[in-house]
Amino acid sequence: MSINKPFNHETEAKLEPGGPIKITGDVIVYDEQGKYVRHTDFTNLCRCGHSKTKPYCDGSHLDAEFLDYDGMHEVSDFAPENFHGAVRIQCVEDGPLRFNGTLTIRNSRGQSCTKNRGVLCRCGNSGNKPFCDGSHKRIGFSTVKDK
């Protein structure tokens, strides 16, 4: 898949209650050092903070009993009619997932929000899930395996 080849549909992040962020569409993931990791049309990203394969989900949310049935408290930046180009996801060391590109986020309650950029929680403790509120700093969240 070419990084420059646009998809003909929107990139969507579906929030699984108590589970990962399931992203479909044109997604490019970069690690904590900004190194290109993956270009894909589907990926499951951890949002509970317990995965051993961060930023990807490994099912640890089941043992951690991670729950998130709350509503979405953000509003869209604009209508999702122009969804061209890849969504770039940058893993922030010991922090959130920063994204750039048109991403429509949907939860199990039927709510949706379209943003052109933002930060998604991956520590599991944000009071503004799925978005980051800085809780990772308060709890000492670590994305590095040897810390």
N, C-alpha and C. Protein backbone atom coordinates (compact mmCIF):
# COMPACT_ATOMS: atom_id res chain seq x y z
N MET A 1 0.85 -1.18 0.00
CA MET A 1 0.00 0.00 0.00
C MET A 1 0.89 1.24 0.00
N SER A 2 0.61 2.15 -0.88
CA SER A 2 1.39 3.38 -0.98
C SER A 2 0.92 4.39 0.05
N ILE A 3 1.86 5.10 0.68
CA ILE A 3 1.51 6.12 1.65
C ILE A 3 0.74 7.26 0.97
N ASN A 4 0.97 7.48 -0.31
CA ASN A 4 0.32 8.59 -1.01
C ASN A 4 -1.02 8.22 -1.63
N LYS A 5 -1.41 6.96 -1.59
CA LYS A 5 -2.66 6.53 -2.20
C LYS A 5 -3.83 6.78 -1.25
N PRO A 6 -4.72 7.73 -1.58
CA PRO A 6 -5.85 8.01 -0.69
C PRO A 6 -6.91 6.92 -0.77
N PHE A 7 -7.55 6.64 0.36
CA PHE A 7 -8.68 5.73 0.39
C PHE A 7 -9.89 6.49 -0.10
N ASN A 8 -10.93 5.77 -0.49
CA ASN A 8 -12.13 6.43 -0.95
C ASN A 8 -13.23 6.39 0.11
N HIS A 9 -12.86 6.25 1.34
CA HIS A 9 -13.81 6.29 2.44
C HIS A 9 -13.16 6.92 3.66
N GLU A 10 -13.99 7.30 4.62
CA GLU A 10 -13.45 7.97 5.79
C GLU A 10 -12.66 7.00 6.67
N THR A 11 -11.76 7.57 7.44
CA THR A 11 -11.05 6.78 8.44
C THR A 11 -11.84 6.90 9.73
N GLU A 12 -12.13 5.76 10.33
CA GLU A 12 -13.04 5.71 11.47
C GLU A 12 -12.39 4.99 12.64
N ALA A 13 -12.61 5.53 13.84
CA ALA A 13 -12.16 4.89 15.08
C ALA A 13 -13.41 4.48 15.85
N LYS A 14 -13.62 3.19 15.99
CA LYS A 14 -14.76 2.68 16.75
C LYS A 14 -14.27 2.30 18.14
N LEU A 15 -14.93 2.88 19.16
CA LEU A 15 -14.55 2.60 20.53
C LEU A 15 -15.34 1.40 21.03
N GLU A 16 -14.64 0.35 21.36
CA GLU A 16 -15.28 -0.83 21.91
C GLU A 16 -15.46 -0.62 23.41
N PRO A 17 -16.67 -0.82 23.95
CA PRO A 17 -16.86 -0.64 25.40
C PRO A 17 -15.93 -1.60 26.15
N GLY A 18 -15.05 -1.05 26.94
CA GLY A 18 -14.11 -1.88 27.68
C GLY A 18 -13.05 -2.51 26.82
N GLY A 19 -12.88 -2.04 25.58
CA GLY A 19 -11.91 -2.63 24.68
C GLY A 19 -11.09 -1.59 23.94
N PRO A 20 -10.50 -2.02 22.82
CA PRO A 20 -9.56 -1.15 22.10
C PRO A 20 -10.25 -0.09 21.24
N ILE A 21 -9.43 0.71 20.58
CA ILE A 21 -9.86 1.61 19.52
C ILE A 21 -9.65 0.84 18.23
N LYS A 22 -10.74 0.52 17.53
CA LYS A 22 -10.65 -0.21 16.27
C LYS A 22 -10.67 0.81 15.14
N ILE A 23 -9.53 0.97 14.46
CA ILE A 23 -9.43 1.97 13.41
C ILE A 23 -9.44 1.30 12.05
N THR A 24 -10.33 1.78 11.19
CA THR A 24 -10.39 1.33 9.81
C THR A 24 -10.22 2.54 8.91
N GLY A 25 -9.57 2.33 7.78
CA GLY A 25 -9.31 3.41 6.84
C GLY A 25 -7.83 3.51 6.56
N ASP A 26 -7.40 4.68 6.17
CA ASP A 26 -6.01 4.90 5.78
C ASP A 26 -5.24 5.40 7.00
N VAL A 27 -4.46 4.52 7.63
CA VAL A 27 -3.80 4.83 8.90
C VAL A 27 -2.30 4.57 8.79
N ILE A 28 -1.52 5.54 9.24
CA ILE A 28 -0.07 5.38 9.33
C ILE A 28 0.32 5.58 10.79
N VAL A 29 1.05 4.63 11.35
CA VAL A 29 1.44 4.68 12.77
C VAL A 29 2.95 4.93 12.86
N TYR A 30 3.31 5.85 13.76
CA TYR A 30 4.71 6.17 14.05
C TYR A 30 4.98 5.86 15.52
N ASP A 31 6.17 5.35 15.82
CA ASP A 31 6.52 5.03 17.21
C ASP A 31 6.89 6.29 17.99
N GLU A 32 7.33 6.09 19.24
CA GLU A 32 7.66 7.19 20.13
C GLU A 32 8.83 8.05 19.65
N GLN A 33 9.67 7.49 18.80
CA GLN A 33 10.80 8.23 18.25
C GLN A 33 10.47 8.87 16.90
N GLY A 34 9.22 8.75 16.45
CA GLY A 34 8.80 9.31 15.18
C GLY A 34 9.12 8.43 13.99
N LYS A 35 9.55 7.20 14.26
CA LYS A 35 9.90 6.26 13.20
C LYS A 35 8.62 5.60 12.65
N TYR A 36 8.53 5.56 11.32
CA TYR A 36 7.41 4.89 10.66
C TYR A 36 7.36 3.44 11.11
N VAL A 37 6.17 2.99 11.54
CA VAL A 37 6.00 1.62 12.00
C VAL A 37 5.12 0.83 11.04
N ARG A 38 4.01 1.44 10.61
CA ARG A 38 3.03 0.64 9.90
C ARG A 38 2.07 1.52 9.11
N HIS A 39 1.69 1.07 7.92
CA HIS A 39 0.64 1.69 7.12
C HIS A 39 -0.38 0.60 6.87
N THR A 40 -1.60 0.84 7.28
CA THR A 40 -2.59 -0.23 7.25
C THR A 40 -3.98 0.32 6.98
N ASP A 41 -4.92 -0.56 6.77
CA ASP A 41 -6.32 -0.14 6.64
C ASP A 41 -7.15 -0.65 7.82
N PHE A 42 -6.50 -1.30 8.79
CA PHE A 42 -7.19 -1.74 10.00
C PHE A 42 -6.17 -1.98 11.10
N THR A 43 -6.46 -1.47 12.28
CA THR A 43 -5.61 -1.74 13.44
C THR A 43 -6.40 -1.58 14.73
N ASN A 44 -6.03 -2.33 15.75
CA ASN A 44 -6.61 -2.20 17.08
C ASN A 44 -5.57 -1.57 17.99
N LEU A 45 -5.88 -0.38 18.51
CA LEU A 45 -4.95 0.32 19.40
C LEU A 45 -5.43 0.22 20.84
N CYS A 46 -4.48 -0.01 21.75
CA CYS A 46 -4.79 -0.13 23.17
C CYS A 46 -5.27 1.20 23.72
N ARG A 47 -6.30 1.16 24.56
CA ARG A 47 -6.72 2.36 25.27
C ARG A 47 -6.90 2.11 26.76
N CYS A 48 -6.52 0.91 27.23
CA CYS A 48 -6.63 0.61 28.66
C CYS A 48 -5.32 0.86 29.41
N GLY A 49 -4.20 0.89 28.67
CA GLY A 49 -2.90 1.13 29.28
C GLY A 49 -2.16 -0.12 29.72
N HIS A 50 -2.75 -1.30 29.54
CA HIS A 50 -2.13 -2.52 30.06
C HIS A 50 -1.51 -3.43 29.01
N SER A 51 -1.65 -3.12 27.74
CA SER A 51 -1.13 -3.97 26.68
C SER A 51 0.39 -4.11 26.79
N LYS A 52 0.88 -5.29 26.51
CA LYS A 52 2.33 -5.54 26.47
C LYS A 52 2.87 -5.25 25.08
N THR A 53 1.99 -4.96 24.12
CA THR A 53 2.39 -4.70 22.74
C THR A 53 1.99 -3.28 22.31
N LYS A 54 2.08 -2.31 23.25
CA LYS A 54 1.71 -0.93 22.95
C LYS A 54 2.40 -0.46 21.69
N PRO A 55 1.71 0.25 20.84
CA PRO A 55 0.39 0.86 20.98
C PRO A 55 -0.75 -0.06 20.62
N TYR A 56 -0.46 -1.31 20.26
CA TYR A 56 -1.49 -2.23 19.81
C TYR A 56 -2.14 -2.98 20.97
N CYS A 57 -3.39 -3.35 20.79
CA CYS A 57 -4.13 -4.11 21.79
C CYS A 57 -3.68 -5.56 21.78
N ASP A 58 -3.50 -6.13 22.97
CA ASP A 58 -3.19 -7.55 23.09
C ASP A 58 -4.22 -8.29 23.92
N GLY A 59 -5.35 -7.64 24.21
CA GLY A 59 -6.41 -8.27 24.99
C GLY A 59 -6.28 -8.08 26.49
N SER A 60 -5.27 -7.33 26.94
CA SER A 60 -5.05 -7.12 28.37
C SER A 60 -6.21 -6.41 29.06
N HIS A 61 -7.04 -5.71 28.30
CA HIS A 61 -8.18 -5.01 28.89
C HIS A 61 -9.13 -5.98 29.59
N LEU A 62 -9.13 -7.24 29.16
CA LEU A 62 -10.00 -8.25 29.79
C LEU A 62 -9.54 -8.55 31.22
N ASP A 63 -8.24 -8.80 31.40
CA ASP A 63 -7.71 -9.06 32.75
C ASP A 63 -7.75 -7.81 33.62
N ALA A 64 -7.56 -6.64 33.01
CA ALA A 64 -7.56 -5.39 33.76
C ALA A 64 -8.98 -4.92 34.10
N GLU A 65 -9.98 -5.58 33.50
CA GLU A 65 -11.39 -5.21 33.69
C GLU A 65 -11.63 -3.74 33.36
N PHE A 66 -11.01 -3.30 32.26
CA PHE A 66 -11.18 -1.95 31.78
C PHE A 66 -12.61 -1.74 31.30
N LEU A 67 -13.24 -0.68 31.76
CA LEU A 67 -14.60 -0.35 31.35
C LEU A 67 -14.66 1.09 30.89
N ASP A 68 -15.42 1.33 29.85
CA ASP A 68 -15.68 2.69 29.42
C ASP A 68 -16.98 2.71 28.64
N TYR A 69 -18.05 3.06 29.33
CA TYR A 69 -19.36 3.16 28.70
C TYR A 69 -19.83 4.61 28.68
N ASP A 70 -18.94 5.53 28.99
CA ASP A 70 -19.31 6.93 29.10
C ASP A 70 -19.57 7.53 27.72
N GLY A 71 -20.26 8.66 27.71
CA GLY A 71 -20.54 9.36 26.47
C GLY A 71 -19.35 10.17 26.00
N MET A 72 -19.44 10.62 24.76
CA MET A 72 -18.40 11.46 24.19
C MET A 72 -18.76 12.91 24.47
N HIS A 73 -17.79 13.65 24.99
CA HIS A 73 -18.05 15.03 25.40
C HIS A 73 -17.39 16.06 24.49
N GLU A 74 -16.95 15.64 23.31
CA GLU A 74 -16.33 16.53 22.33
C GLU A 74 -17.29 16.71 21.16
N VAL A 75 -17.14 17.81 20.47
CA VAL A 75 -17.94 18.04 19.27
C VAL A 75 -17.02 18.03 18.05
N SER A 76 -17.60 17.78 16.90
CA SER A 76 -16.83 17.72 15.66
C SER A 76 -16.25 19.07 15.31
N ASP A 77 -15.09 19.02 14.66
CA ASP A 77 -14.47 20.24 14.14
C ASP A 77 -15.21 20.72 12.90
N PHE A 78 -15.75 19.76 12.13
CA PHE A 78 -16.42 20.07 10.86
C PHE A 78 -17.18 18.84 10.41
N ALA A 79 -17.99 19.01 9.38
CA ALA A 79 -18.72 17.87 8.82
C ALA A 79 -17.73 16.92 8.13
N PRO A 80 -17.94 15.60 8.24
CA PRO A 80 -16.98 14.64 7.71
C PRO A 80 -17.09 14.39 6.20
N GLU A 81 -17.38 15.43 5.42
CA GLU A 81 -17.55 15.21 3.99
C GLU A 81 -16.23 15.17 3.22
N ASN A 82 -15.19 15.80 3.74
CA ASN A 82 -13.90 15.80 3.06
C ASN A 82 -12.91 14.94 3.84
N PHE A 83 -12.78 13.70 3.44
CA PHE A 83 -11.94 12.77 4.19
C PHE A 83 -10.87 12.18 3.29
N HIS A 84 -9.97 13.04 2.83
CA HIS A 84 -8.92 12.60 1.93
C HIS A 84 -7.58 12.52 2.67
N GLY A 85 -6.81 11.53 2.31
CA GLY A 85 -5.48 11.39 2.87
C GLY A 85 -5.46 10.53 4.12
N ALA A 86 -4.28 10.14 4.48
CA ALA A 86 -4.08 9.24 5.61
C ALA A 86 -4.20 9.97 6.94
N VAL A 87 -4.60 9.22 7.96
CA VAL A 87 -4.55 9.70 9.33
C VAL A 87 -3.22 9.21 9.90
N ARG A 88 -2.43 10.14 10.37
CA ARG A 88 -1.12 9.81 10.94
C ARG A 88 -1.25 9.79 12.45
N ILE A 89 -0.85 8.66 13.04
CA ILE A 89 -0.92 8.49 14.49
C ILE A 89 0.49 8.42 15.03
N GLN A 90 0.82 9.37 15.90
CA GLN A 90 2.13 9.45 16.53
C GLN A 90 1.99 8.99 17.98
N CYS A 91 2.73 7.95 18.36
CA CYS A 91 2.74 7.49 19.75
C CYS A 91 3.64 8.44 20.54
N VAL A 92 3.10 9.04 21.57
CA VAL A 92 3.87 9.94 22.42
C VAL A 92 4.43 9.12 23.58
N GLU A 93 5.74 9.17 23.79
CA GLU A 93 6.34 8.38 24.87
C GLU A 93 5.70 8.74 26.20
N ASP A 94 5.26 7.72 26.92
CA ASP A 94 4.61 7.85 28.23
C ASP A 94 3.38 8.77 28.16
N GLY A 95 2.76 8.82 26.99
CA GLY A 95 1.61 9.70 26.81
C GLY A 95 0.61 9.16 25.82
N PRO A 96 -0.17 10.06 25.24
CA PRO A 96 -1.29 9.68 24.39
C PRO A 96 -0.89 9.32 22.97
N LEU A 97 -1.90 9.06 22.16
CA LEU A 97 -1.76 8.88 20.73
C LEU A 97 -2.19 10.19 20.07
N ARG A 98 -1.27 10.86 19.40
CA ARG A 98 -1.57 12.13 18.74
C ARG A 98 -1.90 11.81 17.29
N PHE A 99 -3.04 12.32 16.80
CA PHE A 99 -3.39 12.06 15.41
C PHE A 99 -3.56 13.36 14.63
N ASN A 100 -3.24 13.25 13.35
CA ASN A 100 -3.43 14.33 12.38
C ASN A 100 -4.07 13.72 11.15
N GLY A 101 -5.14 14.32 10.68
CA GLY A 101 -5.90 13.81 9.56
C GLY A 101 -7.34 13.60 10.00
N THR A 102 -8.23 13.55 9.06
CA THR A 102 -9.65 13.47 9.37
C THR A 102 -10.02 12.10 9.94
N LEU A 103 -10.43 12.09 11.21
CA LEU A 103 -10.78 10.86 11.91
C LEU A 103 -12.16 11.02 12.52
N THR A 104 -13.07 10.10 12.18
CA THR A 104 -14.40 10.08 12.78
C THR A 104 -14.38 9.03 13.88
N ILE A 105 -14.69 9.45 15.09
CA ILE A 105 -14.67 8.58 16.27
C ILE A 105 -16.10 8.26 16.63
N ARG A 106 -16.41 6.97 16.79
CA ARG A 106 -17.77 6.53 17.12
C ARG A 106 -17.72 5.65 18.36
N ASN A 107 -18.71 5.84 19.24
CA ASN A 107 -18.78 4.98 20.43
C ASN A 107 -20.00 4.08 20.36
N SER A 108 -20.15 3.21 21.34
CA SER A 108 -21.23 2.23 21.34
C SER A 108 -22.60 2.85 21.62
N ARG A 109 -22.61 4.11 22.03
CA ARG A 109 -23.87 4.79 22.31
C ARG A 109 -24.43 5.52 21.09
N GLY A 110 -23.76 5.35 19.96
CA GLY A 110 -24.22 5.98 18.74
C GLY A 110 -23.73 7.41 18.56
N GLN A 111 -22.86 7.86 19.43
CA GLN A 111 -22.31 9.20 19.31
C GLN A 111 -21.10 9.18 18.38
N SER A 112 -20.88 10.29 17.69
CA SER A 112 -19.70 10.38 16.84
C SER A 112 -19.14 11.79 16.88
N CYS A 113 -17.89 11.89 16.53
CA CYS A 113 -17.17 13.15 16.55
C CYS A 113 -16.10 13.08 15.47
N THR A 114 -16.02 14.09 14.61
CA THR A 114 -15.02 14.12 13.56
C THR A 114 -14.03 15.23 13.85
N LYS A 115 -12.77 14.86 13.91
CA LYS A 115 -11.69 15.80 14.22
C LYS A 115 -10.62 15.71 13.14
N ASN A 116 -9.93 16.80 12.93
CA ASN A 116 -8.81 16.81 12.01
C ASN A 116 -7.49 16.55 12.73
N ARG A 117 -7.48 16.75 14.02
CA ARG A 117 -6.32 16.45 14.85
C ARG A 117 -6.78 16.35 16.30
N GLY A 118 -6.00 15.64 17.10
CA GLY A 118 -6.34 15.50 18.51
C GLY A 118 -5.42 14.51 19.19
N VAL A 119 -5.70 14.25 20.46
CA VAL A 119 -4.93 13.29 21.24
C VAL A 119 -5.90 12.32 21.90
N LEU A 120 -5.62 11.04 21.73
CA LEU A 120 -6.45 9.97 22.27
C LEU A 120 -5.76 9.34 23.47
N CYS A 121 -6.52 9.10 24.51
CA CYS A 121 -6.00 8.48 25.73
C CYS A 121 -5.57 7.05 25.45
N ARG A 122 -4.43 6.67 26.00
CA ARG A 122 -4.03 5.26 25.96
C ARG A 122 -3.57 4.75 27.31
N CYS A 123 -3.80 5.57 28.37
CA CYS A 123 -3.45 5.12 29.72
C CYS A 123 -4.67 4.52 30.42
N GLY A 124 -5.88 4.81 29.89
CA GLY A 124 -7.10 4.27 30.46
C GLY A 124 -7.69 5.09 31.59
N ASN A 125 -7.10 6.23 31.93
CA ASN A 125 -7.54 6.97 33.10
C ASN A 125 -8.11 8.36 32.81
N SER A 126 -8.19 8.75 31.56
CA SER A 126 -8.70 10.08 31.24
C SER A 126 -10.16 10.23 31.68
N GLY A 127 -10.49 11.39 32.17
CA GLY A 127 -11.87 11.70 32.50
C GLY A 127 -12.63 12.21 31.29
N ASN A 128 -11.94 12.29 30.14
CA ASN A 128 -12.54 12.78 28.91
C ASN A 128 -12.38 11.75 27.79
N LYS A 129 -12.44 10.45 28.14
CA LYS A 129 -12.27 9.39 27.14
C LYS A 129 -13.21 9.62 25.98
N PRO A 130 -12.77 9.37 24.79
CA PRO A 130 -11.52 8.73 24.38
C PRO A 130 -10.35 9.69 24.27
N PHE A 131 -10.57 10.95 24.57
CA PHE A 131 -9.52 11.96 24.43
C PHE A 131 -8.67 12.05 25.70
N CYS A 132 -7.43 12.47 25.54
CA CYS A 132 -6.49 12.60 26.64
C CYS A 132 -6.79 13.86 27.45
N ASP A 133 -6.71 13.74 28.78
CA ASP A 133 -6.83 14.91 29.66
C ASP A 133 -5.59 15.12 30.51
N GLY A 134 -4.50 14.41 30.19
CA GLY A 134 -3.26 14.55 30.94
C GLY A 134 -3.12 13.60 32.11
N SER A 135 -4.08 12.70 32.31
CA SER A 135 -4.02 11.76 33.44
C SER A 135 -2.78 10.88 33.41
N HIS A 136 -2.22 10.62 32.24
CA HIS A 136 -1.02 9.78 32.14
C HIS A 136 0.12 10.34 32.98
N LYS A 137 0.20 11.66 33.11
CA LYS A 137 1.25 12.28 33.93
C LYS A 137 1.00 12.02 35.41
N ARG A 138 -0.25 12.14 35.82
CA ARG A 138 -0.63 11.96 37.23
C ARG A 138 -0.37 10.53 37.71
N ILE A 139 -0.62 9.54 36.84
CA ILE A 139 -0.50 8.14 37.27
C ILE A 139 0.87 7.54 36.96
N GLY A 140 1.73 8.29 36.25
CA GLY A 140 3.06 7.77 35.91
C GLY A 140 3.00 6.70 34.84
N PHE A 141 2.11 6.85 33.87
CA PHE A 141 1.94 5.89 32.77
C PHE A 141 3.24 5.73 32.00
N SER A 142 3.58 4.51 31.65
CA SER A 142 4.80 4.24 30.91
C SER A 142 4.50 3.44 29.65
N THR A 143 5.07 3.87 28.54
CA THR A 143 4.94 3.13 27.29
C THR A 143 6.19 2.34 26.96
N VAL A 144 7.22 2.50 27.77
CA VAL A 144 8.49 1.81 27.54
C VAL A 144 8.48 0.52 28.36
N LYS A 145 8.78 -0.58 27.68
CA LYS A 145 8.68 -1.90 28.30
C LYS A 145 9.60 -2.10 29.50
N ASP A 146 10.78 -1.47 29.50
CA ASP A 146 11.77 -1.73 30.55
C ASP A 146 11.71 -0.73 31.71
N LYS A 147 10.71 0.14 31.72
CA LYS A 147 10.64 1.12 32.82
C LYS A 147 10.02 0.50 34.05
